[in-house]
C-alpha atoms as a PDB file:
ATOM      1  CA  MET A   1     -43.753   3.439  22.351  1.00  0.00           C
ATOM      2  CA  ILE A   2     -40.065   3.973  23.066  1.00  0.00           C
ATOM      3  CA  VAL A   3     -37.632   2.112  20.798  1.00  0.00           C
ATOM      4  CA  SER A   4     -33.929   1.918  21.539  1.00  0.00           C
ATOM      5  CA  MET A   5     -31.386   2.714  18.836  1.00  0.00           C
ATOM      6  CA  THR A   6     -29.092  -0.120  19.923  1.00  0.00           C
ATOM      7  CA  GLY A   7     -29.804  -3.720  19.052  1.00  0.00           C
ATOM      8  CA  PHE A   8     -28.618  -6.939  17.459  1.00  0.00           C
ATOM      9  CA  GLY A   9     -30.309  -9.391  15.137  1.00  0.00           C
ATOM     10  CA  GLN A  10     -28.985 -12.527  13.475  1.00  0.00           C
ATOM     11  CA  ALA A  11     -30.606 -15.192  11.320  1.00  0.00           C
ATOM     12  CA  GLN A  12     -29.671 -17.832   8.795  1.00  0.00           C
ATOM     13  CA  ALA A  13     -31.321 -19.569   5.876  1.00  0.00           C
ATOM     14  CA  GLU A  14     -30.151 -22.855   4.363  1.00  0.00           C
ATOM     15  CA  LYS A  15     -30.986 -25.056   1.394  1.00  0.00           C
ATOM     16  CA  LYS A  16     -29.141 -28.066  -0.020  1.00  0.00           C
ATOM     17  CA  GLY A  17     -26.025 -27.349   2.005  1.00  0.00           C
ATOM     18  CA  GLU A  18     -25.775 -23.646   1.149  1.00  0.00           C
ATOM     19  CA  ARG A  19     -26.187 -21.375   4.156  1.00  0.00           C
ATOM     20  CA  PHE A  20     -26.417 -17.604   4.463  1.00  0.00           C
ATOM     21  CA  ILE A  21     -25.940 -15.941   7.859  1.00  0.00           C
ATOM     22  CA  ILE A  22     -27.006 -12.313   8.215  1.00  0.00           C
ATOM     23  CA  THR A  23     -26.021 -10.175  11.206  1.00  0.00           C
ATOM     24  CA  ILE A  24     -27.407  -6.681  11.830  1.00  0.00           C
ATOM     25  CA  LYS A  25     -25.947  -4.441  14.516  1.00  0.00           C
ATOM     26  CA  SER A  26     -27.431  -1.065  15.415  1.00  0.00           C
ATOM     27  CA  LEU A  27     -25.717   1.700  17.388  1.00  0.00           C
ATOM     28  CA  ASN A  28     -26.600   5.274  18.320  1.00  0.00           C
ATOM     29  CA  HIS A  29     -26.444   7.857  15.558  1.00  0.00           C
ATOM     30  CA  ARG A  30     -27.978  11.233  14.860  1.00  0.00           C
ATOM     31  CA  TYR A  31     -29.473  10.031  11.570  1.00  0.00           C
ATOM     32  CA  CYS A  32     -30.015   6.657   9.901  1.00  0.00           C
ATOM     33  CA  GLU A  33     -26.823   5.299   8.364  1.00  0.00           C
ATOM     34  CA  THR A  34     -26.307   1.843   6.859  1.00  0.00           C
ATOM     35  CA  GLN A  35     -23.099  -0.020   6.111  1.00  0.00           C
ATOM     36  CA  PHE A  36     -23.012  -3.361   4.282  1.00  0.00           C
ATOM     37  CA  HIS A  37     -20.492  -6.172   4.112  1.00  0.00           C
ATOM     38  CA  LEU A  38     -21.781  -8.481   1.363  1.00  0.00           C
ATOM     39  CA  PRO A  39     -20.051 -11.191  -0.677  1.00  0.00           C
ATOM     40  CA  PRO A  40     -19.038  -9.722  -4.067  1.00  0.00           C
ATOM     41  CA  ALA A  41     -21.604 -11.807  -5.944  1.00  0.00           C
ATOM     42  CA  PHE A  42     -24.434 -10.230  -3.916  1.00  0.00           C
ATOM     43  CA  GLU A  43     -23.349  -6.594  -3.709  1.00  0.00           C
ATOM     44  CA  HIS A  44     -26.093  -5.696  -6.191  1.00  0.00           C
ATOM     45  CA  MET A  45     -28.646  -6.453  -3.440  1.00  0.00           C
ATOM     46  CA  GLU A  46     -27.395  -3.639  -1.195  1.00  0.00           C
ATOM     47  CA  GLY A  47     -29.992  -1.161  -2.479  1.00  0.00           C
ATOM     48  CA  GLU A  48     -32.877  -3.549  -1.867  1.00  0.00           C
ATOM     49  CA  PHE A  49     -31.567  -4.392   1.604  1.00  0.00           C
ATOM     50  CA  ARG A  50     -31.231  -0.707   2.485  1.00  0.00           C
ATOM     51  CA  SER A  51     -34.773   0.007   1.287  1.00  0.00           C
ATOM     52  CA  ARG A  52     -36.198  -2.806   3.439  1.00  0.00           C
ATOM     53  CA  ILE A  53     -34.280  -1.668   6.504  1.00  0.00           C
ATOM     54  CA  LEU A  54     -35.272   1.999   6.175  1.00  0.00           C
ATOM     55  CA  LYS A  55     -38.938   1.032   6.124  1.00  0.00           C
ATOM     56  CA  THR A  56     -38.498  -0.250   9.689  1.00  0.00           C
ATOM     57  CA  ILE A  57     -35.548   1.627  11.232  1.00  0.00           C
ATOM     58  CA  LYS A  58     -35.565   5.431  11.381  1.00  0.00           C
ATOM     59  CA  ARG A  59     -32.409   6.288  13.362  1.00  0.00           C
ATOM     60  CA  GLY A  60     -29.123   4.600  14.167  1.00  0.00           C
ATOM     61  CA  ARG A  61     -25.911   3.388  12.561  1.00  0.00           C
ATOM     62  CA  LEU A  62     -26.589  -0.089  11.183  1.00  0.00           C
ATOM     63  CA  THR A  63     -23.974  -2.578  10.056  1.00  0.00           C
ATOM     64  CA  VAL A  64     -25.198  -5.514   7.956  1.00  0.00           C
ATOM     65  CA  SER A  65     -22.861  -8.472   7.411  1.00  0.00           C
ATOM     66  CA  VAL A  66     -23.507 -11.544   5.267  1.00  0.00           C
ATOM     67  CA  THR A  67     -21.589 -14.819   5.524  1.00  0.00           C
ATOM     68  CA  HIS A  68     -22.001 -17.439   2.775  1.00  0.00           C
ATOM     69  CA  ILE A  69     -21.139 -21.034   3.634  1.00  0.00           C
ATOM     70  CA  ASN A  70     -21.391 -23.729   0.957  1.00  0.00           C
ATOM     71  CA  GLU A  71     -21.397 -27.247   2.382  1.00  0.00           C
ATOM     72  CA  ALA A  72     -23.204 -28.826  -0.563  1.00  0.00           C
ATOM     73  CA  ALA A  73     -22.187 -32.351  -1.560  1.00  0.00           C
ATOM     74  CA  GLU A  74     -19.499 -32.548  -4.227  1.00  0.00           C
ATOM     75  CA  ASP A  75     -20.004 -34.406  -7.518  1.00  0.00           C
ATOM     76  CA  ILE A  76     -17.067 -36.225  -9.094  1.00  0.00           C
ATOM     77  CA  LEU A  77     -16.789 -35.693 -12.839  1.00  0.00           C
ATOM     78  CA  LEU A  78     -14.781 -38.150 -14.968  1.00  0.00           C
ATOM     79  CA  ASN A  79     -13.344 -36.783 -18.213  1.00  0.00           C
ATOM     80  CA  GLU A  80     -13.568 -39.945 -20.327  1.00  0.00           C
ATOM     81  CA  ARG A  81     -12.403 -38.310 -23.548  1.00  0.00           C
ATOM     82  CA  LEU A  82      -9.254 -37.100 -21.839  1.00  0.00           C
ATOM     83  CA  ILE A  83      -8.661 -40.580 -20.372  1.00  0.00           C
ATOM     84  CA  ASP A  84      -8.876 -42.081 -23.861  1.00  0.00           C
ATOM     85  CA  LYS A  85      -6.264 -39.647 -25.122  1.00  0.00           C
ATOM     86  CA  TYR A  86      -3.969 -40.307 -22.162  1.00  0.00           C
ATOM     87  CA  TYR A  87      -4.354 -44.052 -22.646  1.00  0.00           C
ATOM     88  CA  LYS A  88      -3.521 -43.960 -26.338  1.00  0.00           C
ATOM     89  CA  VAL A  89      -0.442 -41.846 -25.718  1.00  0.00           C
ATOM     90  CA  LEU A  90       0.773 -43.987 -22.805  1.00  0.00           C
ATOM     91  CA  GLU A  91      -0.002 -47.272 -24.568  1.00  0.00           C
ATOM     92  CA  GLY A  92       1.912 -46.149 -27.620  1.00  0.00           C
ATOM     93  CA  LEU A  93       4.847 -45.174 -25.417  1.00  0.00           C
ATOM     94  CA  ARG A  94       4.754 -48.537 -23.623  1.00  0.00           C
ATOM     95  CA  ARG A  95       4.874 -50.494 -26.908  1.00  0.00           C
ATOM     96  CA  ARG A  96       7.574 -48.320 -28.430  1.00  0.00           C
ATOM     97  CA  LEU A  97       9.760 -48.744 -25.377  1.00  0.00           C
ATOM     98  CA  LYS A  98       8.789 -52.422 -25.043  1.00  0.00           C
ATOM     99  CA  ILE A  99       7.665 -52.068 -21.454  1.00  0.00           C
ATOM    100  CA  ASP A 100       5.742 -55.044 -20.039  1.00  0.00           C
ATOM    101  CA  GLU A 101       4.028 -53.119 -17.233  1.00  0.00           C
ATOM    102  CA  ARG A 102       0.375 -52.507 -17.942  1.00  0.00           C
ATOM    103  CA  ILE A 103      -1.213 -49.079 -17.566  1.00  0.00           C
ATOM    104  CA  SER A 104      -3.245 -49.033 -14.340  1.00  0.00           C
ATOM    105  CA  VAL A 105      -6.464 -47.193 -13.613  1.00  0.00           C
ATOM    106  CA  SER A 106      -4.893 -45.483 -10.596  1.00  0.00           C
ATOM    107  CA  SER A 107      -2.172 -44.006 -12.763  1.00  0.00           C
ATOM    108  CA  LEU A 108      -4.721 -42.724 -15.249  1.00  0.00           C
ATOM    109  CA  VAL A 109      -6.998 -41.016 -12.728  1.00  0.00           C
ATOM    110  CA  ALA A 110      -3.980 -39.344 -11.142  1.00  0.00           C
ATOM    111  CA  LEU A 111      -3.276 -37.448 -14.358  1.00  0.00           C
ATOM    112  CA  PRO A 112      -4.269 -33.751 -14.560  1.00  0.00           C
ATOM    113  CA  GLY A 113      -7.829 -33.022 -15.586  1.00  0.00           C
ATOM    114  CA  VAL A 114      -9.105 -36.615 -15.417  1.00  0.00           C
ATOM    115  CA  LEU A 115     -11.093 -36.168 -12.206  1.00  0.00           C
ATOM    116  CA  ASN A 116     -12.895 -32.918 -11.369  1.00  0.00           C
ATOM    117  CA  TYR A 117     -14.956 -32.004  -8.329  1.00  0.00           C
ATOM    118  CA  ARG A 118     -17.973 -29.739  -8.475  1.00  0.00           C
ATOM    119  CA  LYS A 119     -20.431 -28.686  -5.787  1.00  0.00           C
ATOM    120  CA  GLU A 120     -24.087 -28.842  -6.604  1.00  0.00           C
ATOM    121  CA  GLU A 121     -24.811 -25.143  -6.174  1.00  0.00           C
ATOM    122  CA  LEU A 122     -28.248 -23.568  -6.037  1.00  0.00           C
ATOM    123  CA  ARG A 123     -29.556 -21.385  -8.788  1.00  0.00           C
ATOM    124  CA  PHE A 124     -28.729 -17.730  -8.241  1.00  0.00           C
ATOM    125  CA  LYS A 125     -32.407 -16.827  -7.787  1.00  0.00           C
ATOM    126  CA  ASP A 126     -32.677 -19.409  -5.023  1.00  0.00           C
ATOM    127  CA  LYS A 127     -29.640 -17.889  -3.314  1.00  0.00           C
ATOM    128  CA  GLU A 128     -31.202 -14.439  -3.488  1.00  0.00           C
ATOM    129  CA  ALA A 129     -34.418 -15.815  -1.981  1.00  0.00           C
ATOM    130  CA  LEU A 130     -32.452 -17.324   0.903  1.00  0.00           C
ATOM    131  CA  LEU A 131     -30.737 -13.996   1.539  1.00  0.00           C
ATOM    132  CA  LYS A 132     -34.037 -12.099   1.587  1.00  0.00           C
ATOM    133  CA  SER A 133     -35.534 -14.621   3.984  1.00  0.00           C
ATOM    134  CA  ALA A 134     -32.562 -14.379   6.352  1.00  0.00           C
ATOM    135  CA  LEU A 135     -32.657 -10.569   6.211  1.00  0.00           C
ATOM    136  CA  ALA A 136     -36.339 -10.448   7.151  1.00  0.00           C
ATOM    137  CA  GLU A 137     -35.770 -12.734  10.134  1.00  0.00           C
ATOM    138  CA  ALA A 138     -32.640 -10.904  11.320  1.00  0.00           C
ATOM    139  CA  LEU A 139     -34.420  -7.551  10.992  1.00  0.00           C
ATOM    140  CA  GLY A 140     -37.348  -8.876  13.008  1.00  0.00           C
ATOM    141  CA  ARG A 141     -35.040 -10.008  15.802  1.00  0.00           C
ATOM    142  CA  LEU A 142     -33.240  -6.658  15.770  1.00  0.00           C
ATOM    143  CA  VAL A 143     -36.538  -4.788  16.106  1.00  0.00           C
ATOM    144  CA  GLU A 144     -37.669  -7.057  18.933  1.00  0.00           C
ATOM    145  CA  MET A 145     -34.477  -6.387  20.885  1.00  0.00           C
ATOM    146  CA  LYS A 146     -34.773  -2.632  20.251  1.00  0.00           C
ATOM    147  CA  ARG A 147     -38.336  -2.714  21.583  1.00  0.00           C
ATOM    148  CA  ARG A 148     -37.348  -4.634  24.724  1.00  0.00           C
ATOM    149  CA  GLU A 149     -34.595  -2.143  25.461  1.00  0.00           C
ATOM    150  CA  GLY A 150     -37.028   0.659  24.614  1.00  0.00           C
ATOM    151  CA  ALA A 151     -39.489  -0.597  27.224  1.00  0.00           C
ATOM    152  CA  ALA A 152     -36.759  -0.384  29.865  1.00  0.00           C
ATOM    153  CA  LEU A 153     -35.844   3.122  28.679  1.00  0.00           C
ATOM    154  CA  LYS A 154     -39.484   4.187  28.894  1.00  0.00           C
ATOM    155  CA  LYS A 155     -39.730   3.106  32.532  1.00  0.00           C
ATOM    156  CA  ASP A 156     -36.571   4.988  33.430  1.00  0.00           C
ATOM    157  CA  LEU A 157     -37.641   8.156  31.595  1.00  0.00           C
ATOM    158  CA  GLU A 158     -41.052   8.097  33.244  1.00  0.00           C
ATOM    159  CA  ARG A 159     -39.411   7.589  36.626  1.00  0.00           C
ATOM    160  CA  CYS A 160     -37.169  10.631  36.069  1.00  0.00           C
ATOM    161  CA  ALA A 161     -40.098  12.766  34.892  1.00  0.00           C
ATOM    162  CA  GLY A 162     -42.132  11.657  37.906  1.00  0.00           C
ATOM    163  CA  ALA A 163     -39.296  12.623  40.252  1.00  0.00           C
ATOM    164  CA  ILE A 164     -39.140  16.075  38.656  1.00  0.00           C
ATOM    165  CA  THR A 165     -42.903  16.507  39.054  1.00  0.00           C
ATOM    166  CA  SER A 166     -42.667  15.560  42.722  1.00  0.00           C
ATOM    167  CA  LYS A 167     -39.796  17.952  43.391  1.00  0.00           C
ATOM    168  CA  MET A 168     -41.579  20.764  41.540  1.00  0.00           C
ATOM    169  CA  GLY A 169     -44.465  20.292  43.984  1.00  0.00           C
ATOM    170  CA  LEU A 170     -42.022  20.772  46.867  1.00  0.00           C
ATOM    171  CA  ILE A 171     -40.582  23.885  45.221  1.00  0.00           C
ATOM    172  CA  LYS A 172     -43.998  25.475  44.712  1.00  0.00           C
ATOM    173  CA  LYS A 173     -44.937  24.822  48.335  1.00  0.00           C
ATOM    174  CA  ARG A 174     -41.644  26.198  49.628  1.00  0.00           C
ATOM    175  CA  VAL A 175     -41.927  29.354  47.496  1.00  0.00           C
ATOM    176  CA  ARG A 176     -45.445  29.953  48.858  1.00  0.00           C
ATOM    177  CA  ASP A 177     -44.211  29.455  52.428  1.00  0.00           C
ATOM    178  CA  VAL A 178     -41.337  31.906  51.921  1.00  0.00           C
ATOM    179  CA  ILE A 179     -43.674  34.527  50.452  1.00  0.00           C
ATOM    180  CA  GLU A 180     -46.125  34.148  53.354  1.00  0.00           C
ATOM    181  CA  ALA A 181     -43.315  34.432  55.895  1.00  0.00           C
ATOM    182  CA  ASN A 182     -41.956  37.574  54.240  1.00  0.00           C
ATOM    183  CA  ARG A 183     -45.437  39.031  53.933  1.00  0.00           C
ATOM    184  CA  ARG A 184     -45.609  39.093  57.718  1.00  0.00           C
ATOM    185  CA  THR A 185     -42.199  40.685  58.244  1.00  0.00           C
ATOM    186  CA  MET A 186     -41.406  42.886  55.239  1.00  0.00           C
ATOM    187  CA  ALA A 187     -42.536  46.433  54.577  1.00  0.00           C
ATOM    188  CA  PRO A 188     -44.972  46.749  51.633  1.00  0.00           C
ATOM    189  CA  ASP A 189     -42.377  48.268  49.282  1.00  0.00           C
ATOM    190  CA  ALA A 190     -39.753  45.668  50.130  1.00  0.00           C
ATOM    191  CA  LEU A 191     -42.297  42.869  49.826  1.00  0.00           C
ATOM    192  CA  GLU A 192     -43.378  44.081  46.402  1.00  0.00           C
ATOM    193  CA  GLY A 193     -39.786  44.117  45.189  1.00  0.00           C
ATOM    194  CA  PHE A 194     -39.129  40.688  46.685  1.00  0.00           C
ATOM    195  CA  MET A 195     -42.186  39.135  45.055  1.00  0.00           C
ATOM    196  CA  ARG A 196     -41.353  40.703  41.713  1.00  0.00           C
ATOM    197  CA  SER A 197     -37.775  39.391  41.753  1.00  0.00           C
ATOM    198  CA  THR A 198     -38.780  35.890  42.926  1.00  0.00           C
ATOM    199  CA  ASP A 199     -41.866  35.427  40.736  1.00  0.00           C
ATOM    200  CA  VAL A 200     -41.330  31.991  39.190  1.00  0.00           C
ATOM    201  CA  GLY A 201     -44.903  31.446  38.041  1.00  0.00           C
ATOM    202  CA  GLU A 202     -43.907  31.572  34.388  1.00  0.00           C
ATOM    203  CA  GLU A 203     -41.066  29.079  34.859  1.00  0.00           C
ATOM    204  CA  VAL A 204     -43.274  26.711  36.866  1.00  0.00           C
ATOM    205  CA  THR A 205     -45.973  26.831  34.186  1.00  0.00           C
ATOM    206  CA  ARG A 206     -43.476  26.105  31.440  1.00  0.00           C
ATOM    207  CA  ILE A 207     -41.845  23.252  33.351  1.00  0.00           C
ATOM    208  CA  GLU A 208     -45.228  21.661  33.988  1.00  0.00           C
ATOM    209  CA  PHE A 209     -46.131  22.059  30.307  1.00  0.00           C
ATOM    210  CA  HIS A 210     -42.850  20.474  29.189  1.00  0.00           C
ATOM    211  CA  LEU A 211     -43.329  17.588  31.637  1.00  0.00           C
ATOM    212  CA  SER A 212     -46.821  16.972  30.272  1.00  0.00           C
ATOM    213  CA  SER A 213     -45.525  17.128  26.694  1.00  0.00           C
ATOM    214  CA  PHE A 214     -42.674  14.787  27.605  1.00  0.00           C
ATOM    215  CA  GLY A 215     -45.104  12.213  28.996  1.00  0.00           C
ATOM    216  CA  LYS A 216     -47.289  12.361  25.884  1.00  0.00           C
ATOM    217  CA  HIS A 217     -44.378  11.880  23.500  1.00  0.00           C
ATOM    218  CA  VAL A 218     -43.016   8.973  25.530  1.00  0.00           C
ATOM    219  CA  ARG A 219     -46.315   7.158  24.985  1.00  0.00           C
ATOM    220  CA  MET A 220     -46.772   8.104  21.325  1.00  0.00           C
ATOM    221  CA  PRO A 221     -45.708   5.766  18.495  1.00  0.00           C
ATOM    222  CA  GLY A 222     -42.926   6.592  16.075  1.00  0.00           C
ATOM    223  CA  PRO A 223     -39.398   7.999  16.402  1.00  0.00           C
ATOM    224  CA  LYS A 224     -39.130  10.535  19.216  1.00  0.00           C
ATOM    225  CA  GLY A 225     -35.519  10.726  20.391  1.00  0.00           C
ATOM    226  CA  LYS A 226     -34.915  14.203  18.945  1.00  0.00           C
ATOM    227  CA  ILE A 227     -38.115  15.758  20.352  1.00  0.00           C
ATOM    228  CA  LEU A 228     -37.486  14.256  23.799  1.00  0.00           C
ATOM    229  CA  ASP A 229     -33.970  15.673  23.775  1.00  0.00           C
ATOM    230  CA  PHE A 230     -35.375  19.095  22.831  1.00  0.00           C
ATOM    231  CA  ILE A 231     -37.904  18.975  25.688  1.00  0.00           C
ATOM    232  CA  ALA A 232     -35.148  18.000  28.119  1.00  0.00           C
ATOM    233  CA  GLN A 233     -33.130  21.021  26.976  1.00  0.00           C
ATOM    234  CA  GLU A 234     -36.140  23.273  27.603  1.00  0.00           C
ATOM    235  CA  LEU A 235     -36.596  21.785  31.073  1.00  0.00           C
ATOM    236  CA  GLN A 236     -32.933  22.471  31.771  1.00  0.00           C
ATOM    237  CA  ARG A 237     -33.252  26.090  30.675  1.00  0.00           C
ATOM    238  CA  GLU A 238     -36.376  26.755  32.772  1.00  0.00           C
ATOM    239  CA  ILE A 239     -35.040  25.155  35.942  1.00  0.00           C
ATOM    240  CA  ASN A 240     -31.820  27.182  35.588  1.00  0.00           C
ATOM    241  CA  THR A 241     -33.891  30.365  35.423  1.00  0.00           C
ATOM    242  CA  LEU A 242     -35.991  29.316  38.400  1.00  0.00           C
ATOM    243  CA  GLY A 243     -32.899  28.501  40.441  1.00  0.00           C
ATOM    244  CA  ALA A 244     -31.375  31.885  39.646  1.00  0.00           C
ATOM    245  CA  LYS A 245     -34.520  33.706  40.828  1.00  0.00           C
ATOM    246  CA  VAL A 246     -35.041  31.845  44.098  1.00  0.00           C
ATOM    247  CA  GLN A 247     -31.913  31.582  46.242  1.00  0.00           C
ATOM    248  CA  GLU A 248     -33.601  29.998  49.273  1.00  0.00           C
ATOM    249  CA  LYS A 249     -31.593  26.953  50.382  1.00  0.00           C
ATOM    250  CA  HIS A 250     -34.430  24.402  50.359  1.00  0.00           C
ATOM    251  CA  VAL A 251     -35.492  25.475  46.877  1.00  0.00           C
ATOM    252  CA  ALA A 252     -31.863  25.433  45.715  1.00  0.00           C
ATOM    253  CA  TYR A 253     -31.524  21.845  46.937  1.00  0.00           C
ATOM    254  CA  GLN A 254     -34.597  20.710  44.973  1.00  0.00           C
ATOM    255  CA  VAL A 255     -33.323  22.571  41.911  1.00  0.00           C
ATOM    256  CA  VAL A 256     -30.060  20.605  42.088  1.00  0.00           C
ATOM    257  CA  MET A 257     -32.026  17.347  42.373  1.00  0.00           C
ATOM    258  CA  ILE A 258     -34.160  18.274  39.363  1.00  0.00           C
ATOM    259  CA  LYS A 259     -31.076  19.135  37.313  1.00  0.00           C
ATOM    260  CA  ASP A 260     -29.686  15.704  38.138  1.00  0.00           C
ATOM    261  CA  GLN A 261     -32.878  14.031  36.864  1.00  0.00           C
ATOM    262  CA  ILE A 262     -32.848  16.145  33.699  1.00  0.00           C
ATOM    263  CA  GLU A 263     -29.252  15.125  33.045  1.00  0.00           C
ATOM    264  CA  LYS A 264     -30.244  11.472  33.374  1.00  0.00           C
ATOM    265  CA  ILE A 265     -33.070  12.066  30.907  1.00  0.00           C
ATOM    266  CA  ARG A 266     -30.723  13.701  28.425  1.00  0.00           C
ATOM    267  CA  GLU A 267     -28.327  10.781  28.675  1.00  0.00           C
ATOM    268  CA  GLN A 268     -31.078   8.240  28.153  1.00  0.00           C
ATOM    269  CA  VAL A 269     -32.800   9.940  25.218  1.00  0.00           C
ATOM    270  CA  GLN A 270     -29.526   9.681  23.284  1.00  0.00           C
ATOM    271  CA  ASN A 271     -30.392   5.972  23.031  1.00  0.00           C
ATOM    272  CA  VAL A 272     -33.952   6.560  21.793  1.00  0.00           C
ATOM    273  CA  GLU A 273     -34.748   6.130  18.094  1.00  0.00           C
END
């Protein structure tokens, strides 16, 4: 199964007005690299998050961002002891100054510290549980997107490999035709030298082996981007050698077409996990 290195997953978990949103982005990278943007209070969870991610993702540069939104209802707290102190002080001042105006409730509650507002926050363990739940869901969505893109990559890689196989068939036929034509016109010594210099049997065998190996690895489970890139390099090397040995124009044309397909393969496998 082919899995793409690029993907995106987002999920959120909410309880009693507190919401955590986790976003995971994955881009191409030679190895597996993780970068986290967590609220300070949850930075201690980075190690656990990384461990969970690495159990699922084997290659790519992953960026994990967490947004914490607290929309919990606010409680109003009345500091009655402080009100009593304010009242005694203000009442004493009113009598001493012989002021008739009574002390109003609105003036008391406007004084510093009388009214306080506090959100009903979750316990820290509950917050951690919400984060873990959101991470699992976001990771699942990331993997699903990587697999969908991987399926498209697989089709394209198989198409390129199939095109190479087809063109190799044309090359083998053309080489045989050229040899037969020269067999009828060349002197024995010249023919022997020609066949020795244009013998591409080894290159053809290796190309066919690499194509077979490529097809097997495309269908196998697990990370395979590096091995597919290696096989593509080997295909490139063998077709270059074949092209250098056989200068016939029809063969040269097919060699150019094969090189084009190999280049497409090498571009695509850079996206494979």
